[in-house]
Amino acid sequence: MKNNSGNNLKYYLELSKPKIMIPVSLTGFTGYFIFDPHLTLNLFFVSIGILFMAISASVLNQIQEVELDRRMNRTQNRPIPSMKISMSPAIWFFLVNLIAGTAFIYTAGNLKAVIIGLITILWYNGIYTYSKRISAFAVVPGAVTGALPPLIGWVAAGGAIWAKPIIFIEFLFFVGQIPHFWLLILKYGEEYKNAGIPNIMDLLNRPQINRLTFTWVVSSVTAALFLCYFEIIQTKLIVGILLIASFYIIWKFSDLVKNHVNSNNYRRYSILLDSYFLLVLILLISDKIISS
């Protein structure tokens, strides 16, 4: 029985996708901290609430796409398609996370932040999840979901929705979602095609997608540098670190344009891009601590 309980916990952890959801929560933490740079219980409760809401959206997505997941080698061993977790417990797990996330954000934040969280789930699970079965370019509107968690944190702390700092942070994470998705397609495009999901490899060849991905990476770096230009990041040392990291990212990703990257290397570039965005979050928080 103990072994079964341990396996169940492992499967629910897999279902939660912590490697993806914890960074999502961190963007919410950053949004809150940029507005209110104090380590309070409310800050941590809102971040936990965003984590629970993100998990609920991910679980619902896996429930919605169980048949598609069974068609792809990359996803067929996920807990639901592999039947490690049946559909009914998965639905309950989605509901528990949704309710917990809503309660945490409402209690430590406000109703407006909860509404933005629910809109994020509606956009991701109600629009993006189905539109990507129709269009290879669904990732562009789908990227909105990556921009909203920082806004949830910001609004929960008392910030205005249309304030300049959070708009530029949202824009950064909106743009940054897109090259990450193209890298995924470059690595797993054939699996998407075999599963019947339209993808850009049906329209463009690999060198063209490489160049498109590089363009979006440069756009993401430019969006990050906007944070300095518009004085959202002000500390000279932090600005210098961001400049160095930005030039390094562009230099590394220039290999895509030169076609020096093969299918086995795309994951390495995906990790590099994720690391860059994590660094930007750390620099944003560090700048706020120094300047406060």
Protein backbone atom coordinates (compact mmCIF):
# COMPACT_ATOMS: atom_id res chain seq x y z
CA MET A 1 0.00 0.00 0.00
CA LYS A 2 2.83 2.39 0.84
CA ASN A 3 4.35 1.74 -2.57
CA ASN A 4 1.01 2.48 -4.27
CA SER A 5 0.63 5.72 -2.31
CA GLY A 6 4.13 6.74 -3.32
CA ASN A 7 3.41 5.99 -6.96
CA ASN A 8 0.15 7.96 -6.84
CA LEU A 9 1.97 10.97 -5.40
CA LYS A 10 4.57 10.68 -8.16
CA TYR A 11 1.89 10.54 -10.86
CA TYR A 12 0.03 13.57 -9.47
CA LEU A 13 3.34 15.42 -9.36
CA GLU A 14 3.90 14.53 -13.03
CA LEU A 15 0.39 15.72 -13.79
CA SER A 16 1.19 19.05 -12.11
CA LYS A 17 4.27 19.72 -14.32
CA PRO A 18 6.21 21.52 -11.56
CA LYS A 19 9.17 22.36 -13.85
CA ILE A 20 6.82 24.53 -15.90
CA MET A 21 4.36 25.71 -13.24
CA ILE A 22 6.89 26.91 -10.64
CA PRO A 23 8.44 29.41 -13.10
CA VAL A 24 4.90 30.58 -13.93
CA SER A 25 4.35 31.20 -10.22
CA LEU A 26 7.67 33.05 -10.07
CA THR A 27 6.48 35.49 -12.74
CA GLY A 28 3.44 36.16 -10.54
CA PHE A 29 5.76 36.63 -7.54
CA THR A 30 7.77 39.13 -9.57
CA GLY A 31 4.69 41.07 -10.63
CA TYR A 32 3.60 41.40 -7.00
CA PHE A 33 7.09 42.26 -5.73
CA ILE A 34 7.69 44.95 -8.37
CA PHE A 35 4.67 46.82 -7.02
CA ASP A 36 5.18 46.02 -3.32
CA PRO A 37 8.82 45.08 -2.59
CA HIS A 38 8.24 43.55 0.83
CA LEU A 39 8.38 39.89 1.79
CA THR A 40 4.92 39.42 3.24
CA LEU A 41 2.62 36.46 3.72
CA ASN A 42 0.29 37.94 1.13
CA LEU A 43 3.09 37.86 -1.44
CA PHE A 44 3.72 34.16 -0.82
CA PHE A 45 0.01 33.27 -0.64
CA VAL A 46 -0.69 35.00 -3.97
CA SER A 47 2.29 33.20 -5.54
CA ILE A 48 0.99 29.87 -4.22
CA GLY A 49 -2.46 30.74 -5.56
CA ILE A 50 -1.01 31.42 -9.01
CA LEU A 51 0.83 28.09 -8.81
CA PHE A 52 -2.42 26.23 -8.02
CA MET A 53 -4.28 28.03 -10.80
CA ALA A 54 -1.52 27.24 -13.29
CA ILE A 55 -1.60 23.58 -12.27
CA SER A 56 -5.37 23.51 -12.70
CA ALA A 57 -5.06 24.88 -16.25
CA SER A 58 -2.36 22.34 -17.08
CA VAL A 59 -4.38 19.43 -15.70
CA LEU A 60 -7.49 20.53 -17.59
CA ASN A 61 -5.41 20.78 -20.77
CA GLN A 62 -4.20 17.21 -20.29
CA ILE A 63 -7.79 16.08 -19.74
CA GLN A 64 -8.86 17.86 -22.94
CA GLU A 65 -5.98 16.48 -25.00
CA VAL A 66 -5.78 12.92 -23.72
CA GLU A 67 -6.47 11.42 -27.16
CA LEU A 68 -3.91 13.66 -28.85
CA ASP A 69 -1.36 12.83 -26.16
CA ARG A 70 -1.79 9.11 -26.86
CA ARG A 71 -0.72 9.69 -30.48
CA MET A 72 2.66 11.25 -29.67
CA ASN A 73 5.74 9.56 -28.23
CA ARG A 74 6.56 12.73 -26.30
CA THR A 75 3.27 12.72 -24.40
CA GLN A 76 1.88 9.19 -24.43
CA ASN A 77 3.44 8.35 -21.05
CA ARG A 78 1.79 11.26 -19.27
CA PRO A 79 -0.34 10.09 -16.31
CA ILE A 80 -3.76 10.35 -18.00
CA PRO A 81 -3.06 8.83 -21.47
CA SER A 82 -0.98 6.07 -19.86
CA MET A 83 -3.91 5.47 -17.41
CA LYS A 84 -1.71 5.91 -14.34
CA ILE A 85 -4.40 8.36 -13.26
CA SER A 86 -7.97 7.82 -14.44
CA MET A 87 -10.18 10.61 -15.73
CA SER A 88 -12.37 11.06 -12.65
CA PRO A 89 -9.50 11.66 -10.15
CA ALA A 90 -7.86 13.96 -12.70
CA ILE A 91 -11.02 16.08 -12.87
CA TRP A 92 -11.15 16.27 -9.07
CA PHE A 93 -7.49 17.23 -8.99
CA PHE A 94 -8.21 20.03 -11.48
CA LEU A 95 -11.12 21.30 -9.37
CA VAL A 96 -9.19 21.18 -6.08
CA ASN A 97 -6.32 23.18 -7.58
CA LEU A 98 -8.71 25.68 -9.17
CA ILE A 99 -10.59 26.24 -5.91
CA ALA A 100 -7.39 26.44 -3.85
CA GLY A 101 -5.81 28.90 -6.29
CA THR A 102 -8.92 31.07 -6.33
CA ALA A 103 -9.11 31.07 -2.51
CA PHE A 104 -5.43 31.97 -2.03
CA ILE A 105 -5.49 34.83 -4.56
CA TYR A 106 -8.79 36.22 -3.30
CA THR A 107 -7.80 36.03 0.39
CA ALA A 108 -4.29 37.47 -0.03
CA GLY A 109 -5.05 39.66 -3.04
CA ASN A 110 -8.39 40.78 -4.41
CA LEU A 111 -11.30 39.82 -6.66
CA LYS A 112 -9.81 41.63 -9.68
CA ALA A 113 -6.72 39.38 -9.54
CA VAL A 114 -8.96 36.30 -9.30
CA ILE A 115 -10.91 37.39 -12.38
CA ILE A 116 -7.68 37.83 -14.37
CA GLY A 117 -6.63 34.34 -13.26
CA LEU A 118 -9.93 32.85 -14.42
CA ILE A 119 -9.68 34.73 -17.74
CA THR A 120 -6.19 33.23 -18.18
CA ILE A 121 -7.57 29.71 -17.73
CA LEU A 122 -10.48 30.44 -20.05
CA TRP A 123 -8.09 31.78 -22.71
CA TYR A 124 -5.69 28.85 -22.40
CA ASN A 125 -8.19 26.01 -22.10
CA GLY A 126 -11.13 27.48 -23.98
CA ILE A 127 -9.40 29.25 -26.88
CA TYR A 128 -5.75 28.22 -27.33
CA THR A 129 -6.22 24.50 -26.64
CA TYR A 130 -8.74 24.21 -29.47
CA SER A 131 -7.38 26.84 -31.86
CA LYS A 132 -4.02 25.03 -32.12
CA ARG A 133 -5.92 22.12 -33.72
CA ILE A 134 -6.99 24.52 -36.47
CA SER A 135 -4.06 26.86 -37.10
CA ALA A 136 -0.28 26.50 -37.03
CA PHE A 137 -0.13 30.10 -35.79
CA ALA A 138 -2.35 29.61 -32.73
CA VAL A 139 0.76 30.07 -30.58
CA VAL A 140 0.59 33.84 -31.16
CA PRO A 141 -2.77 34.41 -29.42
CA GLY A 142 -1.91 31.53 -27.09
CA ALA A 143 1.14 33.42 -25.86
CA VAL A 144 -1.21 35.81 -24.05
CA THR A 145 -1.47 33.22 -21.27
CA GLY A 146 2.26 33.62 -20.54
CA ALA A 147 1.83 37.37 -20.11
CA LEU A 148 -1.00 37.28 -17.56
CA PRO A 149 0.53 35.64 -14.42
CA PRO A 150 2.77 38.70 -13.73
CA LEU A 151 -0.35 40.85 -14.09
CA ILE A 152 -2.20 38.69 -11.55
CA GLY A 153 0.57 39.29 -9.01
CA TRP A 154 0.77 43.01 -9.79
CA VAL A 155 -3.00 43.54 -9.47
CA ALA A 156 -3.18 41.38 -6.33
CA ALA A 157 -0.63 43.73 -4.73
CA GLY A 158 -2.80 46.74 -5.61
CA GLY A 159 -1.33 47.79 -8.96
CA ALA A 160 -3.33 49.27 -11.82
CA ILE A 161 -3.89 47.06 -14.86
CA TRP A 162 -2.57 49.63 -17.37
CA ALA A 163 0.51 50.78 -15.41
CA LYS A 164 3.67 51.13 -17.53
CA PRO A 165 5.94 48.69 -15.62
CA ILE A 166 3.56 45.75 -15.78
CA ILE A 167 2.64 46.40 -19.43
CA PHE A 168 6.29 46.06 -20.47
CA ILE A 169 6.78 42.98 -18.30
CA GLU A 170 3.66 41.42 -19.83
CA PHE A 171 4.92 42.26 -23.32
CA LEU A 172 8.25 40.59 -22.57
CA PHE A 173 6.61 37.32 -21.51
CA PHE A 174 4.11 37.45 -24.36
CA VAL A 175 6.88 37.73 -26.96
CA GLY A 176 9.09 35.21 -25.15
CA GLN A 177 6.50 32.43 -25.36
CA ILE A 178 6.67 32.33 -29.15
CA PRO A 179 10.31 31.34 -29.84
CA HIS A 180 10.04 28.76 -27.07
CA PHE A 181 7.14 27.17 -28.97
CA TRP A 182 8.99 27.29 -32.31
CA LEU A 183 11.91 25.43 -30.71
CA LEU A 184 9.45 22.79 -29.52
CA ILE A 185 8.08 22.45 -33.04
CA LEU A 186 11.56 22.16 -34.51
CA LYS A 187 12.26 19.23 -32.20
CA TYR A 188 8.87 17.50 -32.22
CA GLY A 189 7.25 18.77 -35.44
CA GLU A 190 6.88 15.31 -36.97
CA GLU A 191 5.06 14.04 -33.89
CA TYR A 192 2.64 16.98 -34.04
CA LYS A 193 2.07 16.27 -37.72
CA ASN A 194 1.43 12.56 -37.11
CA ALA A 195 -1.03 13.47 -34.34
CA GLY A 196 -2.98 15.63 -36.79
CA ILE A 197 -2.03 18.97 -35.20
CA PRO A 198 -1.25 21.71 -37.76
CA ASN A 199 2.24 23.10 -37.31
CA ILE A 200 4.48 25.54 -39.07
CA MET A 201 6.61 22.74 -40.56
CA ASP A 202 3.70 22.13 -42.94
CA LEU A 203 4.25 25.63 -44.32
CA LEU A 204 7.96 26.39 -43.93
CA ASN A 205 11.15 24.36 -44.13
CA ARG A 206 13.56 23.98 -41.21
CA PRO A 207 16.01 26.77 -42.21
CA GLN A 208 13.07 29.18 -42.58
CA ILE A 209 11.73 28.25 -39.14
CA ASN A 210 15.24 28.63 -37.73
CA ARG A 211 15.37 32.19 -39.04
CA LEU A 212 11.85 32.90 -37.77
CA THR A 213 12.79 31.60 -34.32
CA PHE A 214 15.92 33.76 -34.27
CA THR A 215 13.81 36.81 -35.18
CA TRP A 216 11.50 36.15 -32.24
CA VAL A 217 14.47 35.64 -29.90
CA VAL A 218 15.84 39.04 -30.95
CA SER A 219 12.36 40.49 -30.37
CA SER A 220 12.31 38.95 -26.90
CA VAL A 221 15.72 40.41 -26.06
CA THR A 222 14.57 43.81 -27.33
CA ALA A 223 11.50 43.58 -25.09
CA ALA A 224 13.80 42.81 -22.14
CA LEU A 225 15.97 45.83 -22.95
CA PHE A 226 12.85 48.01 -22.99
CA LEU A 227 12.81 47.45 -19.23
CA CYS A 228 16.05 49.43 -19.03
CA TYR A 229 15.13 52.08 -21.59
CA PHE A 230 11.90 52.91 -19.78
CA GLU A 231 13.66 52.81 -16.38
CA ILE A 232 11.78 49.83 -15.01
CA ILE A 233 15.26 48.47 -14.32
CA GLN A 234 17.41 51.39 -13.10
CA THR A 235 20.48 50.03 -11.29
CA LYS A 236 23.55 50.38 -13.52
CA LEU A 237 25.04 47.05 -12.48
CA ILE A 238 21.75 45.25 -13.21
CA VAL A 239 21.49 47.01 -16.58
CA GLY A 240 25.04 45.91 -17.40
CA ILE A 241 24.33 42.27 -16.52
CA LEU A 242 21.20 42.30 -18.66
CA LEU A 243 23.06 43.81 -21.61
CA ILE A 244 25.79 41.15 -21.43
CA ALA A 245 23.24 38.32 -21.11
CA SER A 246 21.21 39.75 -24.01
CA PHE A 247 24.16 39.97 -26.38
CA TYR A 248 25.20 36.44 -25.37
CA ILE A 249 21.73 35.06 -26.14
CA ILE A 250 21.68 36.71 -29.57
CA TRP A 251 25.18 35.40 -30.31
CA LYS A 252 24.27 31.84 -29.29
CA PHE A 253 21.00 31.83 -31.22
CA SER A 254 22.70 33.16 -34.34
CA ASP A 255 23.63 29.49 -34.89
CA LEU A 256 20.02 29.02 -35.98
CA VAL A 257 20.49 31.43 -38.86
CA LYS A 258 23.74 29.71 -39.81
CA ASN A 259 21.89 26.35 -39.67
CA HIS A 260 24.48 24.96 -37.25
CA VAL A 261 21.75 23.40 -35.09
CA ASN A 262 20.34 19.91 -35.54
CA SER A 263 17.24 18.33 -34.02
CA ASN A 264 19.23 16.96 -31.08
CA ASN A 265 20.30 20.45 -30.00
CA TYR A 266 16.97 22.28 -29.90
CA ARG A 267 16.32 21.30 -26.29
CA ARG A 268 19.64 22.86 -25.28
CA TYR A 269 18.57 26.14 -26.89
CA SER A 270 15.17 25.92 -25.23
CA ILE A 271 16.87 25.58 -21.83
CA LEU A 272 19.15 28.51 -22.68
CA LEU A 273 16.14 30.69 -23.54
CA ASP A 274 14.32 29.69 -20.34
CA SER A 275 17.46 30.50 -18.35
CA TYR A 276 17.56 33.97 -19.90
CA PHE A 277 13.99 34.71 -18.83
CA LEU A 278 14.70 33.37 -15.34
CA LEU A 279 17.68 35.73 -15.17
CA VAL A 280 15.46 38.66 -16.22
CA LEU A 281 13.08 37.85 -13.34
CA ILE A 282 15.98 37.68 -10.88
CA LEU A 283 17.34 41.00 -12.19
CA LEU A 284 13.92 42.65 -11.89
CA ILE A 285 13.60 41.51 -8.27
CA SER A 286 17.22 42.44 -7.48
CA ASP A 287 16.82 45.92 -9.00
CA LYS A 288 13.70 46.51 -6.93
CA ILE A 289 15.49 45.45 -3.74
CA ILE A 290 18.44 47.74 -4.47
CA SER A 291 16.36 50.76 -5.50
CA SER A 292 13.82 50.48 -2.65
